[in-house]
Amino acid sequence: MTKPTPPPASRAGETRALLLSAATLVIHRDGVNHLTLDAVAREAGVSKGGLLYHYPSKHHLIVGLLQAYLDDFERRIGQHTAHGASYPRAFVQATLDELRDERVKASTAALLAIVAHEPELLTRFRQAADGWQTQLEQSGLDPARATVARLAVEGLYFAELMGAAVPHGTLRIQIEQLLLDLTSDPA
């Protein structure tokens, strides 16, 4: 019996992206408790075997979701630094971008719920956060100032994810501007 030939890398990447998108949709529509391999395969329009080829278990699928989130956040930061923003400002801008994207916000909330119950995933998230903090501290901006900006924008992010005392209107605009001011070079 011969092994099946793996799909070309580009097609495999497209399929993985399709599966992650389907998993995100299942989480949004049905809730985290309904995230099953069968539901994801059905939503993606692929066989369960096709899903298992890319993600051999639900845990692997969740790891893929977390990695995709981390990669997307890094990409957002990179877009801002490519346009001349300092790392601290890019971090704040990338976080604010996510707050404006309802789809990202909803999938982040679901993903955080999953990550909180899987120690390995929590470790991966902590390692990413440690890396962001290190870059903030080494950015040239006062490390305390950069850290306050990170903590404040993350506080805003989590307040919004939980729907708890979310500032709106003029106050929201002022807060976002203050966050950007915190990350500007005080020279």
N, C-alpha and C. Protein backbone atom coordinates (compact mmCIF):
# COMPACT_ATOMS: atom_id res chain seq x y z
N MET A 1 0.85 -1.17 0.00
CA MET A 1 0.00 0.00 0.00
C MET A 1 0.89 1.24 0.00
N THR A 2 0.63 2.18 -0.90
CA THR A 2 1.44 3.38 -0.99
C THR A 2 0.83 4.50 -0.17
N LYS A 3 1.71 5.36 0.33
CA LYS A 3 1.25 6.51 1.09
C LYS A 3 0.64 7.54 0.14
N PRO A 4 -0.40 8.25 0.60
CA PRO A 4 -0.97 9.28 -0.27
C PRO A 4 0.03 10.41 -0.47
N THR A 5 0.00 10.97 -1.65
CA THR A 5 0.89 12.09 -1.96
C THR A 5 0.34 13.35 -1.29
N PRO A 6 1.19 14.03 -0.52
CA PRO A 6 0.69 15.24 0.12
C PRO A 6 0.38 16.31 -0.92
N PRO A 7 -0.59 17.17 -0.62
CA PRO A 7 -0.92 18.23 -1.58
C PRO A 7 0.23 19.23 -1.67
N PRO A 8 0.31 19.96 -2.78
CA PRO A 8 1.35 20.99 -2.88
C PRO A 8 1.25 21.96 -1.71
N ALA A 9 2.39 22.55 -1.34
CA ALA A 9 2.45 23.42 -0.16
C ALA A 9 1.42 24.54 -0.21
N SER A 10 1.25 25.18 -1.36
CA SER A 10 0.30 26.30 -1.44
C SER A 10 -1.13 25.82 -1.23
N ARG A 11 -1.46 24.68 -1.81
CA ARG A 11 -2.81 24.15 -1.63
C ARG A 11 -3.02 23.69 -0.19
N ALA A 12 -1.98 23.11 0.40
CA ALA A 12 -2.08 22.68 1.81
C ALA A 12 -2.28 23.88 2.71
N GLY A 13 -1.58 24.97 2.44
CA GLY A 13 -1.74 26.20 3.22
C GLY A 13 -3.14 26.76 3.09
N GLU A 14 -3.67 26.72 1.87
CA GLU A 14 -5.04 27.18 1.63
C GLU A 14 -6.04 26.32 2.40
N THR A 15 -5.82 25.02 2.39
CA THR A 15 -6.73 24.11 3.10
C THR A 15 -6.66 24.35 4.60
N ARG A 16 -5.45 24.52 5.14
CA ARG A 16 -5.33 24.81 6.58
C ARG A 16 -6.04 26.12 6.93
N ALA A 17 -5.87 27.13 6.09
CA ALA A 17 -6.55 28.41 6.33
C ALA A 17 -8.07 28.23 6.28
N LEU A 18 -8.56 27.43 5.33
CA LEU A 18 -9.99 27.15 5.22
C LEU A 18 -10.49 26.45 6.49
N LEU A 19 -9.72 25.48 6.97
CA LEU A 19 -10.12 24.73 8.18
C LEU A 19 -10.13 25.64 9.41
N LEU A 20 -9.13 26.51 9.53
CA LEU A 20 -9.09 27.43 10.67
C LEU A 20 -10.25 28.43 10.59
N SER A 21 -10.55 28.88 9.39
CA SER A 21 -11.68 29.78 9.21
C SER A 21 -12.99 29.08 9.58
N ALA A 22 -13.12 27.83 9.18
CA ALA A 22 -14.32 27.06 9.51
C ALA A 22 -14.41 26.86 11.02
N ALA A 23 -13.29 26.56 11.67
CA ALA A 23 -13.30 26.38 13.13
C ALA A 23 -13.72 27.66 13.82
N THR A 24 -13.21 28.79 13.33
CA THR A 24 -13.58 30.08 13.91
C THR A 24 -15.07 30.33 13.73
N LEU A 25 -15.59 30.01 12.57
CA LEU A 25 -17.02 30.19 12.30
C LEU A 25 -17.87 29.31 13.23
N VAL A 26 -17.45 28.08 13.42
CA VAL A 26 -18.18 27.18 14.33
C VAL A 26 -18.19 27.76 15.74
N ILE A 27 -17.05 28.27 16.18
CA ILE A 27 -16.97 28.86 17.53
C ILE A 27 -17.90 30.06 17.62
N HIS A 28 -17.89 30.95 16.63
CA HIS A 28 -18.75 32.14 16.63
C HIS A 28 -20.22 31.77 16.65
N ARG A 29 -20.57 30.87 15.78
CA ARG A 29 -21.98 30.55 15.57
C ARG A 29 -22.54 29.65 16.66
N ASP A 30 -21.75 28.63 17.05
CA ASP A 30 -22.29 27.59 17.91
C ASP A 30 -21.71 27.59 19.32
N GLY A 31 -20.60 28.29 19.52
CA GLY A 31 -19.96 28.32 20.83
C GLY A 31 -18.80 27.32 20.91
N VAL A 32 -17.93 27.58 21.85
CA VAL A 32 -16.72 26.77 22.03
C VAL A 32 -17.05 25.31 22.28
N ASN A 33 -18.10 25.04 23.03
CA ASN A 33 -18.45 23.66 23.37
C ASN A 33 -18.86 22.83 22.16
N HIS A 34 -19.17 23.49 21.05
CA HIS A 34 -19.59 22.77 19.84
C HIS A 34 -18.46 22.66 18.81
N LEU A 35 -17.25 23.04 19.22
CA LEU A 35 -16.11 22.91 18.32
C LEU A 35 -15.70 21.43 18.30
N THR A 36 -16.08 20.75 17.23
CA THR A 36 -15.71 19.35 17.05
C THR A 36 -15.07 19.21 15.67
N LEU A 37 -14.31 18.15 15.50
CA LEU A 37 -13.70 17.92 14.20
C LEU A 37 -14.76 17.71 13.12
N ASP A 38 -15.83 17.00 13.48
CA ASP A 38 -16.91 16.78 12.51
C ASP A 38 -17.54 18.10 12.09
N ALA A 39 -17.81 18.98 13.06
CA ALA A 39 -18.43 20.27 12.74
C ALA A 39 -17.51 21.12 11.85
N VAL A 40 -16.23 21.10 12.13
CA VAL A 40 -15.28 21.89 11.34
C VAL A 40 -15.17 21.33 9.93
N ALA A 41 -15.06 20.01 9.80
CA ALA A 41 -14.97 19.39 8.47
C ALA A 41 -16.22 19.71 7.66
N ARG A 42 -17.37 19.59 8.29
CA ARG A 42 -18.64 19.87 7.61
C ARG A 42 -18.67 21.34 7.15
N GLU A 43 -18.31 22.25 8.05
CA GLU A 43 -18.32 23.68 7.73
C GLU A 43 -17.35 24.01 6.61
N ALA A 44 -16.19 23.37 6.59
CA ALA A 44 -15.17 23.63 5.57
C ALA A 44 -15.48 22.93 4.25
N GLY A 45 -16.39 21.96 4.29
CA GLY A 45 -16.71 21.21 3.08
C GLY A 45 -15.60 20.24 2.70
N VAL A 46 -14.91 19.71 3.71
CA VAL A 46 -13.87 18.71 3.46
C VAL A 46 -14.23 17.46 4.25
N SER A 47 -13.62 16.36 3.87
CA SER A 47 -13.87 15.13 4.61
C SER A 47 -13.16 15.22 5.97
N LYS A 48 -13.62 14.43 6.90
CA LYS A 48 -12.95 14.40 8.19
C LYS A 48 -11.52 13.93 8.02
N GLY A 49 -11.31 12.99 7.10
CA GLY A 49 -9.95 12.53 6.81
C GLY A 49 -9.07 13.66 6.29
N GLY A 50 -9.66 14.53 5.47
CA GLY A 50 -8.92 15.69 4.97
C GLY A 50 -8.53 16.63 6.10
N LEU A 51 -9.45 16.82 7.03
CA LEU A 51 -9.14 17.65 8.19
C LEU A 51 -8.04 16.99 9.02
N LEU A 52 -8.18 15.69 9.25
CA LEU A 52 -7.20 14.97 10.08
C LEU A 52 -5.81 14.94 9.45
N TYR A 53 -5.74 15.06 8.13
CA TYR A 53 -4.45 15.12 7.46
C TYR A 53 -3.68 16.36 7.93
N HIS A 54 -4.39 17.47 8.07
CA HIS A 54 -3.77 18.74 8.47
C HIS A 54 -3.73 18.93 9.98
N TYR A 55 -4.76 18.48 10.65
CA TYR A 55 -4.87 18.63 12.10
C TYR A 55 -5.31 17.29 12.68
N PRO A 56 -4.35 16.46 13.13
CA PRO A 56 -4.66 15.09 13.53
C PRO A 56 -5.53 14.95 14.78
N SER A 57 -5.82 16.06 15.45
CA SER A 57 -6.70 16.00 16.63
C SER A 57 -7.29 17.38 16.87
N LYS A 58 -8.28 17.42 17.72
CA LYS A 58 -8.88 18.70 18.09
C LYS A 58 -7.82 19.60 18.74
N HIS A 59 -6.96 19.01 19.54
CA HIS A 59 -5.89 19.78 20.18
C HIS A 59 -5.00 20.44 19.12
N HIS A 60 -4.64 19.70 18.09
CA HIS A 60 -3.81 20.27 17.02
C HIS A 60 -4.55 21.40 16.30
N LEU A 61 -5.85 21.25 16.13
CA LEU A 61 -6.65 22.31 15.50
C LEU A 61 -6.63 23.56 16.38
N ILE A 62 -6.78 23.39 17.67
CA ILE A 62 -6.77 24.53 18.59
C ILE A 62 -5.38 25.18 18.61
N VAL A 63 -4.34 24.37 18.59
CA VAL A 63 -2.98 24.93 18.51
C VAL A 63 -2.85 25.74 17.22
N GLY A 64 -3.42 25.23 16.13
CA GLY A 64 -3.40 25.97 14.86
C GLY A 64 -4.14 27.29 14.95
N LEU A 65 -5.27 27.30 15.65
CA LEU A 65 -6.02 28.54 15.85
C LEU A 65 -5.20 29.55 16.64
N LEU A 66 -4.58 29.08 17.72
CA LEU A 66 -3.76 29.98 18.54
C LEU A 66 -2.59 30.51 17.73
N GLN A 67 -1.91 29.65 17.00
CA GLN A 67 -0.76 30.09 16.22
C GLN A 67 -1.19 31.08 15.14
N ALA A 68 -2.33 30.84 14.53
CA ALA A 68 -2.83 31.77 13.51
C ALA A 68 -3.12 33.13 14.14
N TYR A 69 -3.70 33.13 15.35
CA TYR A 69 -3.96 34.39 16.04
C TYR A 69 -2.65 35.12 16.33
N LEU A 70 -1.67 34.41 16.88
CA LEU A 70 -0.38 35.03 17.21
C LEU A 70 0.30 35.55 15.94
N ASP A 71 0.28 34.76 14.88
CA ASP A 71 0.89 35.18 13.62
C ASP A 71 0.19 36.43 13.06
N ASP A 72 -1.14 36.45 13.16
CA ASP A 72 -1.90 37.60 12.65
C ASP A 72 -1.57 38.86 13.46
N PHE A 73 -1.45 38.71 14.78
CA PHE A 73 -1.12 39.87 15.61
C PHE A 73 0.28 40.38 15.27
N GLU A 74 1.22 39.46 15.10
CA GLU A 74 2.58 39.86 14.71
C GLU A 74 2.57 40.55 13.34
N ARG A 75 1.74 40.06 12.43
CA ARG A 75 1.62 40.67 11.10
C ARG A 75 1.09 42.10 11.24
N ARG A 76 0.10 42.28 12.09
CA ARG A 76 -0.46 43.63 12.31
C ARG A 76 0.61 44.58 12.87
N ILE A 77 1.37 44.09 13.84
CA ILE A 77 2.45 44.92 14.39
C ILE A 77 3.44 45.28 13.28
N GLY A 78 3.81 44.28 12.48
CA GLY A 78 4.76 44.50 11.39
C GLY A 78 4.27 45.51 10.37
N GLN A 79 2.97 45.50 10.09
CA GLN A 79 2.43 46.48 9.15
C GLN A 79 2.63 47.90 9.68
N HIS A 80 2.42 48.07 10.97
CA HIS A 80 2.58 49.42 11.55
C HIS A 80 4.05 49.83 11.63
N THR A 81 4.93 48.89 11.98
CA THR A 81 6.35 49.25 12.03
C THR A 81 6.88 49.53 10.62
N ALA A 82 6.35 48.84 9.62
CA ALA A 82 6.77 49.08 8.24
C ALA A 82 6.41 50.50 7.79
N HIS A 83 5.40 51.08 8.43
CA HIS A 83 5.00 52.45 8.11
C HIS A 83 5.62 53.46 9.07
N GLY A 84 6.67 53.04 9.79
CA GLY A 84 7.43 53.97 10.61
C GLY A 84 7.06 54.05 12.08
N ALA A 85 6.10 53.27 12.51
CA ALA A 85 5.72 53.31 13.93
C ALA A 85 6.78 52.59 14.77
N SER A 86 7.03 53.11 15.95
CA SER A 86 7.90 52.42 16.90
C SER A 86 7.20 51.13 17.32
N TYR A 87 7.95 50.19 17.88
CA TYR A 87 7.33 48.93 18.31
C TYR A 87 6.21 49.18 19.32
N PRO A 88 6.42 50.02 20.36
CA PRO A 88 5.31 50.25 21.30
C PRO A 88 4.06 50.83 20.63
N ARG A 89 4.26 51.79 19.74
CA ARG A 89 3.10 52.37 19.06
C ARG A 89 2.45 51.32 18.16
N ALA A 90 3.24 50.53 17.47
CA ALA A 90 2.70 49.49 16.60
C ALA A 90 1.90 48.47 17.41
N PHE A 91 2.40 48.13 18.61
CA PHE A 91 1.68 47.20 19.48
C PHE A 91 0.31 47.77 19.85
N VAL A 92 0.29 49.03 20.25
CA VAL A 92 -0.98 49.68 20.61
C VAL A 92 -1.89 49.74 19.40
N GLN A 93 -1.37 50.16 18.26
CA GLN A 93 -2.19 50.27 17.05
C GLN A 93 -2.74 48.91 16.62
N ALA A 94 -1.91 47.87 16.69
CA ALA A 94 -2.37 46.53 16.31
C ALA A 94 -3.49 46.06 17.23
N THR A 95 -3.37 46.36 18.51
CA THR A 95 -4.41 45.97 19.47
C THR A 95 -5.69 46.75 19.19
N LEU A 96 -5.57 48.04 18.94
CA LEU A 96 -6.75 48.84 18.61
C LEU A 96 -7.39 48.36 17.31
N ASP A 97 -6.56 47.96 16.34
CA ASP A 97 -7.09 47.40 15.09
C ASP A 97 -7.97 46.19 15.39
N GLU A 98 -7.50 45.34 16.27
CA GLU A 98 -8.27 44.14 16.62
C GLU A 98 -9.60 44.51 17.26
N LEU A 99 -9.59 45.55 18.08
CA LEU A 99 -10.83 45.98 18.73
C LEU A 99 -11.86 46.48 17.72
N ARG A 100 -11.39 46.96 16.59
CA ARG A 100 -12.29 47.47 15.56
C ARG A 100 -12.79 46.37 14.64
N ASP A 101 -12.21 45.18 14.75
CA ASP A 101 -12.57 44.05 13.89
C ASP A 101 -13.39 43.06 14.71
N GLU A 102 -14.69 43.12 14.56
CA GLU A 102 -15.60 42.30 15.37
C GLU A 102 -15.31 40.81 15.23
N ARG A 103 -14.94 40.39 14.02
CA ARG A 103 -14.65 38.97 13.79
C ARG A 103 -13.44 38.52 14.59
N VAL A 104 -12.39 39.35 14.58
CA VAL A 104 -11.17 39.02 15.33
C VAL A 104 -11.48 39.03 16.82
N LYS A 105 -12.21 40.03 17.26
CA LYS A 105 -12.55 40.15 18.68
C LYS A 105 -13.32 38.91 19.16
N ALA A 106 -14.29 38.47 18.39
CA ALA A 106 -15.10 37.32 18.79
C ALA A 106 -14.26 36.05 18.83
N SER A 107 -13.39 35.85 17.82
CA SER A 107 -12.59 34.64 17.82
C SER A 107 -11.54 34.68 18.93
N THR A 108 -11.05 35.87 19.26
CA THR A 108 -10.09 36.00 20.36
C THR A 108 -10.73 35.62 21.68
N ALA A 109 -11.94 36.06 21.91
CA ALA A 109 -12.64 35.73 23.15
C ALA A 109 -12.81 34.22 23.28
N ALA A 110 -13.21 33.57 22.20
CA ALA A 110 -13.39 32.12 22.23
C ALA A 110 -12.05 31.43 22.42
N LEU A 111 -11.04 31.89 21.72
CA LEU A 111 -9.72 31.29 21.82
C LEU A 111 -9.16 31.42 23.23
N LEU A 112 -9.34 32.57 23.84
CA LEU A 112 -8.85 32.75 25.21
C LEU A 112 -9.56 31.81 26.18
N ALA A 113 -10.84 31.56 25.94
CA ALA A 113 -11.56 30.62 26.79
C ALA A 113 -10.97 29.22 26.67
N ILE A 114 -10.59 28.83 25.48
CA ILE A 114 -9.99 27.51 25.26
C ILE A 114 -8.60 27.47 25.88
N VAL A 115 -7.79 28.49 25.60
CA VAL A 115 -6.40 28.54 26.07
C VAL A 115 -6.34 28.46 27.59
N ALA A 116 -7.29 29.08 28.27
CA ALA A 116 -7.28 29.09 29.73
C ALA A 116 -7.40 27.70 30.32
N HIS A 117 -7.92 26.75 29.55
CA HIS A 117 -8.12 25.39 30.06
C HIS A 117 -7.07 24.40 29.58
N GLU A 118 -6.13 24.85 28.77
CA GLU A 118 -5.10 23.96 28.27
C GLU A 118 -3.73 24.54 28.61
N PRO A 119 -3.07 23.99 29.61
CA PRO A 119 -1.79 24.54 30.08
C PRO A 119 -0.75 24.74 28.99
N GLU A 120 -0.65 23.82 28.04
CA GLU A 120 0.35 23.96 26.97
C GLU A 120 0.07 25.22 26.15
N LEU A 121 -1.20 25.46 25.87
CA LEU A 121 -1.57 26.62 25.08
C LEU A 121 -1.34 27.91 25.86
N LEU A 122 -1.64 27.86 27.14
CA LEU A 122 -1.41 29.04 27.98
C LEU A 122 0.08 29.36 28.01
N THR A 123 0.92 28.33 28.04
CA THR A 123 2.37 28.53 28.01
C THR A 123 2.78 29.19 26.70
N ARG A 124 2.22 28.74 25.57
CA ARG A 124 2.54 29.35 24.27
C ARG A 124 2.15 30.82 24.25
N PHE A 125 0.96 31.12 24.79
CA PHE A 125 0.50 32.51 24.81
C PHE A 125 1.40 33.36 25.71
N ARG A 126 1.76 32.82 26.86
CA ARG A 126 2.65 33.55 27.77
C ARG A 126 4.01 33.81 27.13
N GLN A 127 4.53 32.84 26.38
CA GLN A 127 5.82 33.03 25.71
C GLN A 127 5.72 34.15 24.67
N ALA A 128 4.62 34.19 23.94
CA ALA A 128 4.43 35.27 22.96
C ALA A 128 4.36 36.61 23.69
N ALA A 129 3.59 36.67 24.78
CA ALA A 129 3.46 37.91 25.54
C ALA A 129 4.80 38.34 26.13
N ASP A 130 5.58 37.38 26.60
CA ASP A 130 6.92 37.71 27.11
C ASP A 130 7.78 38.31 26.00
N GLY A 131 7.67 37.77 24.80
CA GLY A 131 8.42 38.30 23.66
C GLY A 131 7.99 39.72 23.32
N TRP A 132 6.68 39.98 23.36
CA TRP A 132 6.19 41.34 23.10
C TRP A 132 6.73 42.30 24.15
N GLN A 133 6.69 41.86 25.42
CA GLN A 133 7.17 42.72 26.50
C GLN A 133 8.66 43.02 26.33
N THR A 134 9.43 42.01 25.99
CA THR A 134 10.87 42.22 25.78
C THR A 134 11.10 43.25 24.67
N GLN A 135 10.36 43.12 23.58
CA GLN A 135 10.52 44.08 22.48
C GLN A 135 10.11 45.48 22.91
N LEU A 136 9.07 45.58 23.72
CA LEU A 136 8.65 46.89 24.22
C LEU A 136 9.76 47.51 25.07
N GLU A 137 10.35 46.70 25.93
CA GLU A 137 11.40 47.20 26.83
C GLU A 137 12.66 47.59 26.07
N GLN A 138 12.91 46.96 24.95
CA GLN A 138 14.13 47.23 24.18
C GLN A 138 13.89 48.19 23.02
N SER A 139 12.75 48.83 22.99
CA SER A 139 12.36 49.67 21.85
C SER A 139 13.02 51.04 21.83
N GLY A 140 13.60 51.44 22.95
CA GLY A 140 14.15 52.79 23.04
C GLY A 140 13.23 53.74 23.79
N LEU A 141 11.96 53.41 23.87
CA LEU A 141 11.02 54.17 24.68
C LEU A 141 11.23 53.76 26.13
N ASP A 142 11.00 54.67 27.06
CA ASP A 142 11.13 54.32 28.47
C ASP A 142 10.36 53.02 28.73
N PRO A 143 11.02 51.99 29.27
CA PRO A 143 10.35 50.69 29.46
C PRO A 143 9.08 50.78 30.32
N ALA A 144 9.08 51.63 31.34
CA ALA A 144 7.88 51.76 32.17
C ALA A 144 6.74 52.36 31.36
N ARG A 145 7.04 53.35 30.56
CA ARG A 145 6.03 54.01 29.73
C ARG A 145 5.46 53.01 28.71
N ALA A 146 6.34 52.26 28.06
CA ALA A 146 5.90 51.27 27.07
C ALA A 146 5.04 50.18 27.73
N THR A 147 5.43 49.79 28.94
CA THR A 147 4.68 48.75 29.65
C THR A 147 3.32 49.26 30.09
N VAL A 148 3.25 50.50 30.56
CA VAL A 148 1.96 51.09 30.94
C VAL A 148 1.04 51.13 29.72
N ALA A 149 1.58 51.50 28.57
CA ALA A 149 0.77 51.52 27.35
C ALA A 149 0.25 50.13 27.02
N ARG A 150 1.12 49.11 27.14
CA ARG A 150 0.68 47.73 26.88
C ARG A 150 -0.41 47.31 27.84
N LEU A 151 -0.18 47.55 29.12
CA LEU A 151 -1.17 47.14 30.12
C LEU A 151 -2.49 47.87 29.91
N ALA A 152 -2.43 49.15 29.57
CA ALA A 152 -3.66 49.92 29.37
C ALA A 152 -4.43 49.45 28.13
N VAL A 153 -3.73 49.23 27.01
CA VAL A 153 -4.44 48.81 25.81
C VAL A 153 -4.98 47.39 25.99
N GLU A 154 -4.25 46.53 26.70
CA GLU A 154 -4.77 45.19 26.98
C GLU A 154 -5.97 45.26 27.92
N GLY A 155 -5.94 46.19 28.88
CA GLY A 155 -7.10 46.38 29.76
C GLY A 155 -8.33 46.81 28.98
N LEU A 156 -8.14 47.73 28.05
CA LEU A 156 -9.24 48.16 27.19
C LEU A 156 -9.75 46.98 26.37
N TYR A 157 -8.82 46.20 25.85
CA TYR A 157 -9.17 45.04 25.03
C TYR A 157 -10.02 44.05 25.82
N PHE A 158 -9.56 43.72 27.02
CA PHE A 158 -10.29 42.74 27.82
C PHE A 158 -11.61 43.29 28.34
N ALA A 159 -11.66 44.58 28.64
CA ALA A 159 -12.93 45.19 29.05
C ALA A 159 -13.95 45.05 27.92
N GLU A 160 -13.49 45.30 26.71
CA GLU A 160 -14.39 45.18 25.57
C GLU A 160 -14.79 43.74 25.31
N LEU A 161 -13.83 42.81 25.42
CA LEU A 161 -14.17 41.39 25.21
C LEU A 161 -15.24 40.93 26.20
N MET A 162 -15.16 41.43 27.42
CA MET A 162 -16.11 41.01 28.45
C MET A 162 -17.33 41.91 28.53
N GLY A 163 -17.33 43.00 27.77
CA GLY A 163 -18.45 43.92 27.82
C GLY A 163 -18.59 44.58 29.18
N ALA A 164 -17.47 44.85 29.83
CA ALA A 164 -17.48 45.38 31.19
C ALA A 164 -16.96 46.82 31.21
N ALA A 165 -17.86 47.76 31.48
CA ALA A 165 -17.51 49.18 31.61
C ALA A 165 -16.67 49.68 30.44
N VAL A 166 -17.16 49.42 29.23
CA VAL A 166 -16.45 49.82 28.03
C VAL A 166 -16.69 51.30 27.76
N PRO A 167 -15.61 52.08 27.64
CA PRO A 167 -15.79 53.50 27.33
C PRO A 167 -16.23 53.70 25.88
N HIS A 168 -17.11 54.69 25.66
CA HIS A 168 -17.64 54.96 24.33
C HIS A 168 -17.51 56.44 24.00
N GLY A 169 -17.80 56.75 22.76
CA GLY A 169 -17.88 58.14 22.32
C GLY A 169 -16.59 58.91 22.50
N THR A 170 -16.72 60.13 22.97
CA THR A 170 -15.59 61.03 23.14
C THR A 170 -14.56 60.45 24.10
N LEU A 171 -15.03 59.83 25.16
CA LEU A 171 -14.10 59.23 26.13
C LEU A 171 -13.24 58.17 25.46
N ARG A 172 -13.83 57.35 24.63
CA ARG A 172 -13.09 56.30 23.93
C ARG A 172 -12.03 56.90 23.01
N ILE A 173 -12.41 57.94 22.29
CA ILE A 173 -11.47 58.61 21.40
C ILE A 173 -10.30 59.19 22.20
N GLN A 174 -10.61 59.80 23.33
CA GLN A 174 -9.56 60.38 24.18
C GLN A 174 -8.63 59.29 24.73
N ILE A 175 -9.18 58.17 25.11
CA ILE A 175 -8.37 57.07 25.65
C ILE A 175 -7.43 56.54 24.57
N GLU A 176 -7.96 56.32 23.37
CA GLU A 176 -7.12 55.83 22.29
C GLU A 176 -6.00 56.82 21.97
N GLN A 177 -6.32 58.11 21.97
CA GLN A 177 -5.28 59.11 21.72
C GLN A 177 -4.25 59.12 22.82
N LEU A 178 -4.67 58.98 24.05
CA LEU A 178 -3.74 58.93 25.18
C LEU A 178 -2.81 57.72 25.06
N LEU A 179 -3.35 56.59 24.64
CA LEU A 179 -2.52 55.40 24.42
C LEU A 179 -1.46 55.65 23.35
N LEU A 180 -1.86 56.32 22.29
CA LEU A 180 -0.89 56.64 21.23
C LEU A 180 0.12 57.67 21.73
N ASP A 181 -0.35 58.63 22.52
CA ASP A 181 0.58 59.63 23.10
C ASP A 181 1.61 58.96 24.01
N LEU A 182 1.18 57.96 24.75
CA LEU A 182 2.12 57.24 25.64
C LEU A 182 3.24 56.58 24.87
N THR A 183 2.96 56.24 23.61
CA THR A 183 3.96 55.52 22.82
C THR A 183 4.72 56.43 21.86
N SER A 184 4.53 57.72 22.00
CA SER A 184 5.31 58.64 21.15
C SER A 184 6.61 58.98 21.86
N ASP A 185 7.60 59.27 21.08
CA ASP A 185 8.92 59.61 21.63
C ASP A 185 8.83 60.96 22.36
N PRO A 186 9.10 60.99 23.65
CA PRO A 186 8.94 62.23 24.41
C PRO A 186 10.00 63.29 24.11
N ALA A 187 10.84 63.06 23.12
CA ALA A 187 11.90 64.02 22.77
C ALA A 187 11.31 65.30 22.33
